C-alpha atoms as a PDB file:
ATOM      1  CA  MET A   1    -101.835 102.731 -76.408  1.00  0.00           C
ATOM      2  CA  GLY A   2    -100.659 104.947 -73.780  1.00  0.00           C
ATOM      3  CA  ALA A   3    -104.271 104.275 -71.871  1.00  0.00           C
ATOM      4  CA  LYS A   4    -102.443 101.963 -69.706  1.00  0.00           C
ATOM      5  CA  ALA A   5    -100.076 103.869 -68.369  1.00  0.00           C
ATOM      6  CA  SER A   6    -102.444 106.867 -67.692  1.00  0.00           C
ATOM      7  CA  LYS A   7    -104.301 104.873 -64.864  1.00  0.00           C
ATOM      8  CA  ARG A   8    -101.603 104.693 -62.773  1.00  0.00           C
ATOM      9  CA  PRO A   9    -100.895 107.568 -60.708  1.00  0.00           C
ATOM     10  CA  LEU A  10     -98.058 109.822 -62.114  1.00  0.00           C
ATOM     11  CA  ASN A  11     -96.267 109.655 -58.687  1.00  0.00           C
ATOM     12  CA  GLU A  12     -95.779 105.554 -60.537  1.00  0.00           C
ATOM     13  CA  VAL A  13     -94.498 106.908 -63.895  1.00  0.00           C
ATOM     14  CA  VAL A  14     -91.508 105.869 -65.075  1.00  0.00           C
ATOM     15  CA  PHE A  15     -90.374 108.205 -68.000  1.00  0.00           C
ATOM     16  CA  LEU A  16     -88.040 107.682 -70.359  1.00  0.00           C
ATOM     17  CA  THR A  17     -85.701 110.535 -72.322  1.00  0.00           C
ATOM     18  CA  VAL A  18     -85.596 109.998 -76.346  1.00  0.00           C
ATOM     19  CA  ALA A  19     -82.186 108.972 -75.716  1.00  0.00           C
ATOM     20  CA  GLU A  20     -83.506 105.944 -73.258  1.00  0.00           C
ATOM     21  CA  VAL A  21     -85.991 105.160 -75.411  1.00  0.00           C
ATOM     22  CA  ALA A  22     -83.609 104.857 -78.627  1.00  0.00           C
ATOM     23  CA  ALA A  23     -81.695 103.101 -76.329  1.00  0.00           C
ATOM     24  CA  VAL A  24     -84.052 100.433 -75.128  1.00  0.00           C
ATOM     25  CA  MET A  25     -85.525 100.499 -79.023  1.00  0.00           C
ATOM     26  CA  ARG A  26     -82.247  99.589 -80.503  1.00  0.00           C
ATOM     27  CA  VAL A  27     -82.904 102.141 -83.087  1.00  0.00           C
ATOM     28  CA  SER A  28     -81.606 105.596 -84.078  1.00  0.00           C
ATOM     29  CA  LYS A  29     -82.753 108.880 -81.701  1.00  0.00           C
ATOM     30  CA  MET A  30     -84.376 109.995 -84.530  1.00  0.00           C
ATOM     31  CA  THR A  31     -86.123 106.955 -85.163  1.00  0.00           C
ATOM     32  CA  ALA A  32     -87.903 107.510 -81.731  1.00  0.00           C
ATOM     33  CA  TYR A  33     -88.343 111.423 -82.259  1.00  0.00           C
ATOM     34  CA  ARG A  34     -90.316 110.499 -85.631  1.00  0.00           C
ATOM     35  CA  LEU A  35     -92.539 107.845 -83.348  1.00  0.00           C
ATOM     36  CA  VAL A  36     -93.264 110.319 -80.766  1.00  0.00           C
ATOM     37  CA  HIS A  37     -93.814 113.078 -83.665  1.00  0.00           C
ATOM     38  CA  SER A  38     -96.284 110.553 -85.392  1.00  0.00           C
ATOM     39  CA  GLY A  39     -97.848 109.477 -82.078  1.00  0.00           C
ATOM     40  CA  HIS A  40     -97.079 106.048 -82.235  1.00  0.00           C
ATOM     41  CA  LEU A  41     -95.536 106.565 -79.086  1.00  0.00           C
ATOM     42  CA  PRO A  42     -97.757 108.999 -76.581  1.00  0.00           C
ATOM     43  CA  ALA A  43     -95.438 111.621 -74.840  1.00  0.00           C
ATOM     44  CA  ILE A  44     -94.854 114.498 -72.761  1.00  0.00           C
ATOM     45  CA  ARG A  45     -92.967 117.482 -73.556  1.00  0.00           C
ATOM     46  CA  VAL A  46     -91.021 119.119 -70.445  1.00  0.00           C
ATOM     47  CA  GLY A  47     -89.487 122.343 -71.771  1.00  0.00           C
ATOM     48  CA  ARG A  48     -87.750 121.476 -75.166  1.00  0.00           C
ATOM     49  CA  SER A  49     -87.866 117.862 -74.952  1.00  0.00           C
ATOM     50  CA  PHE A  50     -89.991 114.800 -74.648  1.00  0.00           C
ATOM     51  CA  ARG A  51     -90.644 112.172 -71.521  1.00  0.00           C
ATOM     52  CA  VAL A  52     -92.261 108.805 -73.122  1.00  0.00           C
ATOM     53  CA  PRO A  53     -93.906 106.765 -70.164  1.00  0.00           C
ATOM     54  CA  GLU A  54     -91.461 103.166 -69.546  1.00  0.00           C
ATOM     55  CA  ALA A  55     -94.891 101.094 -70.194  1.00  0.00           C
ATOM     56  CA  ALA A  56     -95.663 102.954 -73.425  1.00  0.00           C
ATOM     57  CA  VAL A  57     -92.589 101.503 -74.239  1.00  0.00           C
ATOM     58  CA  HIS A  58     -92.966  98.374 -73.892  1.00  0.00           C
ATOM     59  CA  GLU A  59     -96.480  98.464 -75.383  1.00  0.00           C
ATOM     60  CA  TYR A  60     -95.669  99.580 -78.170  1.00  0.00           C
ATOM     61  CA  LEU A  61     -92.493  96.682 -78.914  1.00  0.00           C
ATOM     62  CA  ARG A  62     -95.390  94.075 -77.557  1.00  0.00           C
ATOM     63  CA  GLU A  63     -98.033  95.423 -80.286  1.00  0.00           C
ATOM     64  CA  SER A  64     -95.468  95.333 -83.383  1.00  0.00           C
ATOM     65  CA  PHE A  65     -93.493  92.204 -82.238  1.00  0.00           C
ATOM     66  CA  VAL A  66     -93.733  89.934 -85.626  1.00  0.00           C
ATOM     67  CA  GLY A  67     -93.783  86.198 -85.133  1.00  0.00           C
ATOM     68  CA  VAL A  68     -91.198  84.048 -87.132  1.00  0.00           C
ATOM     69  CA  GLU A  69     -93.122  81.601 -89.125  1.00  0.00           C
ATOM     70  CA  THR A  70     -91.661  78.045 -89.611  1.00  0.00           C
ATOM     71  CA  ALA A  71     -91.907  75.701 -92.370  1.00  0.00           C
END
């Protein structure tokens, strides 16, 4: 999942805080933390907080998208 983000030079990677990830995904911060801790979202640790590559969030959402069947 995070392989695409790691191909970019680090100075071009946009990192989001867990609160920003939660806002983008429209979920609680706890849900975003669970995704990080479970490994579903790659993250780096900066001190006591985490930073998630923005591209990884968008990739996770694309892979998780569930299409709606019309009858």
